[in-house]
Amino acid sequence: MDFQKRLQRAINRGRQAADAEGEAAAQAAQSEEDLRNLHGQMRLDLSEHIESCLQSLTQQIAGFQYKTLVGSDGWGARINRDDRLRSADGKNESFYTRFELVVRPFSDAHIIEVTAKGTIRNRETIKRAHYQFLNEADLDSMKNTVDLWILEFAEEFAKF
């Protein structure tokens, strides 16, 4: 085979490789956008579930203030309350209780992550994080995890 034919074949192979890389990059970008959309939908469903459950908790236990959370740390809700009690020796004591559930923003790790932080009477009682890869995520199991954390907090709070 003469040099001209070999040169032409080498150029064609290079063009085909570039086209294949371009297609792979386009598919990766599309896949990234699909994962971003999936995360957005799951985030919306989970944050609505969190809000509903925490509002139910505030209706069951008086004194909690409810706040929806939307920001760079994620989406979710927080409940909190301040209690002032007089101790046996006559001193006033202040106790802070808070519970926060947040769905974290989309990341390059392609996960959906929920975090929980709970403080009861000035003492941190719950600090949890749960995640699933987006391509394997099960929304029902994520909601069940959220439910368990809220129930755990409610039970701990009711002890006081």
Protein backbone atom coordinates (compact mmCIF):
# COMPACT_ATOMS: atom_id res chain seq x y z
CA MET A 1 0.00 0.00 0.00
CA ASP A 2 1.44 3.35 -0.94
CA PHE A 3 1.95 6.22 1.42
CA GLN A 4 -1.02 8.30 0.16
CA LYS A 5 -3.54 5.55 0.91
CA ARG A 6 -2.05 4.92 4.36
CA LEU A 7 -2.11 8.65 5.06
CA GLN A 8 -5.74 8.91 4.03
CA ARG A 9 -6.68 5.93 6.23
CA ALA A 10 -4.85 7.44 9.21
CA ILE A 11 -6.71 10.73 8.74
CA ASN A 12 -10.05 8.89 8.47
CA ARG A 13 -9.30 6.90 11.66
CA GLY A 14 -8.46 10.15 13.46
CA ARG A 15 -11.71 11.76 12.32
CA GLN A 16 -13.73 8.72 13.37
CA ALA A 17 -12.08 8.73 16.79
CA ALA A 18 -12.84 12.45 17.20
CA ASP A 19 -16.45 11.87 16.16
CA ALA A 20 -16.74 8.99 18.64
CA GLU A 21 -15.29 11.16 21.42
CA GLY A 22 -17.72 13.94 20.53
CA GLU A 23 -20.65 11.53 20.68
CA ALA A 24 -19.45 10.16 24.02
CA ALA A 25 -19.15 13.69 25.41
CA ALA A 26 -22.64 14.55 24.15
CA GLN A 27 -24.04 11.39 25.76
CA ALA A 28 -22.24 12.18 29.02
CA ALA A 29 -23.66 15.71 28.98
CA GLN A 30 -27.13 14.34 28.31
CA SER A 31 -26.67 11.77 31.05
CA GLU A 32 -25.52 14.50 33.44
CA GLU A 33 -28.61 16.55 32.60
CA ASP A 34 -30.83 13.50 33.10
CA LEU A 35 -29.26 12.90 36.53
CA ARG A 36 -29.70 16.57 37.41
CA ASN A 37 -33.39 16.37 36.46
CA LEU A 38 -33.84 13.14 38.43
CA HIS A 39 -32.20 14.73 41.47
CA GLY A 40 -34.47 17.77 41.15
CA GLN A 41 -37.60 15.63 41.05
CA MET A 42 -36.51 13.45 43.96
CA ARG A 43 -35.45 16.53 45.94
CA LEU A 44 -38.86 18.07 45.43
CA ASP A 45 -40.69 14.90 46.52
CA LEU A 46 -38.46 14.40 49.56
CA SER A 47 -38.59 18.03 50.69
CA GLU A 48 -42.41 18.01 50.44
CA HIS A 49 -42.48 14.81 52.50
CA ILE A 50 -40.15 16.34 55.09
CA GLU A 51 -42.28 19.47 55.34
CA SER A 52 -45.49 17.46 55.74
CA CYS A 53 -44.05 15.21 58.45
CA LEU A 54 -42.49 18.03 60.45
CA GLN A 55 -45.68 20.08 60.27
CA SER A 56 -47.54 17.04 61.64
CA LEU A 57 -45.04 16.84 64.48
CA THR A 58 -45.59 20.51 65.35
CA GLN A 59 -49.33 19.86 65.51
CA GLN A 60 -48.81 16.94 67.90
CA ILE A 61 -46.34 18.68 70.23
CA ALA A 62 -47.12 22.28 71.12
CA GLY A 63 -44.49 24.99 71.21
CA PHE A 64 -42.49 24.18 68.11
CA GLN A 65 -41.95 26.79 65.43
CA TYR A 66 -41.79 25.52 61.86
CA LYS A 67 -39.58 26.94 59.12
CA THR A 68 -39.10 25.85 55.51
CA LEU A 69 -35.44 25.75 54.47
CA VAL A 70 -34.29 26.70 50.99
CA GLY A 71 -30.71 27.66 50.34
CA SER A 72 -27.22 26.67 49.31
CA ASP A 73 -27.17 23.95 51.99
CA GLY A 74 -30.26 22.29 50.55
CA TRP A 75 -34.04 22.11 50.84
CA GLY A 76 -36.10 20.88 53.73
CA ALA A 77 -37.50 22.11 57.03
CA ARG A 78 -36.62 22.91 60.62
CA ILE A 79 -38.59 22.95 63.83
CA ASN A 80 -37.36 24.55 67.01
CA ARG A 81 -38.47 25.74 70.43
CA ASP A 82 -37.04 27.48 73.47
CA ASP A 83 -38.11 26.36 76.91
CA ARG A 84 -37.51 28.24 80.14
CA LEU A 85 -37.84 26.27 83.32
CA ARG A 86 -37.31 27.11 86.95
CA SER A 87 -35.06 24.59 88.67
CA ALA A 88 -35.59 23.29 92.19
CA ASP A 89 -33.17 25.88 93.58
CA GLY A 90 -35.11 28.73 91.96
CA LYS A 91 -32.79 29.45 89.03
CA ASN A 92 -34.21 29.99 85.56
CA GLU A 93 -32.82 27.64 82.96
CA SER A 94 -33.15 27.96 79.20
CA PHE A 95 -33.34 24.89 76.96
CA TYR A 96 -33.11 24.88 73.18
CA THR A 97 -34.61 22.13 71.02
CA ARG A 98 -34.24 21.90 67.26
CA PHE A 99 -34.68 19.33 64.50
CA GLU A 100 -33.65 19.93 60.90
CA LEU A 101 -33.95 17.72 57.81
CA VAL A 102 -32.33 18.80 54.54
CA VAL A 103 -32.01 17.33 51.06
CA ARG A 104 -28.53 18.28 49.85
CA PRO A 105 -27.99 19.94 46.44
CA PHE A 106 -26.90 18.06 43.32
CA SER A 107 -23.22 17.16 43.27
CA ASP A 108 -20.71 15.53 40.95
CA ALA A 109 -21.03 12.37 43.03
CA HIS A 110 -24.49 11.85 41.46
CA ILE A 111 -26.19 11.04 44.76
CA ILE A 112 -29.35 12.10 46.55
CA GLU A 113 -28.50 12.82 50.18
CA VAL A 114 -30.65 13.65 53.19
CA THR A 115 -29.16 14.94 56.44
CA ALA A 116 -30.71 15.30 59.88
CA LYS A 117 -29.57 17.24 62.93
CA GLY A 118 -31.43 17.15 66.21
CA THR A 119 -30.84 18.87 69.53
CA ILE A 120 -33.03 18.24 72.56
CA ARG A 121 -32.65 20.46 75.63
CA ASN A 122 -29.26 21.82 74.54
CA ARG A 123 -27.85 18.37 73.81
CA GLU A 124 -27.24 17.05 70.30
CA THR A 125 -29.14 13.79 70.06
CA ILE A 126 -29.34 13.02 66.35
CA LYS A 127 -26.91 13.60 63.52
CA ARG A 128 -27.57 11.44 60.50
CA ALA A 129 -26.86 11.33 56.78
CA HIS A 130 -28.24 8.93 54.23
CA TYR A 131 -27.56 8.84 50.50
CA GLN A 132 -28.23 6.73 47.46
CA PHE A 133 -26.73 6.89 44.00
CA LEU A 134 -29.22 8.55 41.67
CA ASN A 135 -29.20 5.74 39.12
CA GLU A 136 -30.09 3.27 41.94
CA ALA A 137 -32.20 5.56 44.15
CA ASP A 138 -35.43 4.35 45.70
CA LEU A 139 -37.64 7.26 46.76
CA ASP A 140 -39.80 5.13 49.06
CA SER A 141 -36.82 3.89 51.05
CA MET A 142 -35.54 7.48 51.36
CA LYS A 143 -38.95 8.57 52.68
CA ASN A 144 -38.96 5.66 55.14
CA THR A 145 -35.54 6.75 56.41
CA VAL A 146 -36.85 10.29 56.92
CA ASP A 147 -39.89 8.90 58.75
CA LEU A 148 -37.69 6.83 61.06
CA TRP A 149 -35.52 9.83 61.94
CA ILE A 150 -38.57 11.98 62.74
CA LEU A 151 -40.09 9.22 64.86
CA GLU A 152 -36.78 8.76 66.69
CA PHE A 153 -36.61 12.50 67.43
CA ALA A 154 -40.24 12.62 68.61
CA GLU A 155 -39.70 9.66 70.93
CA GLU A 156 -36.53 11.17 72.41
CA PHE A 157 -38.22 14.54 72.89
CA ALA A 158 -41.24 12.97 74.57
CA LYS A 159 -38.97 11.49 77.26
CA PHE A 160 -38.35 14.97 78.67
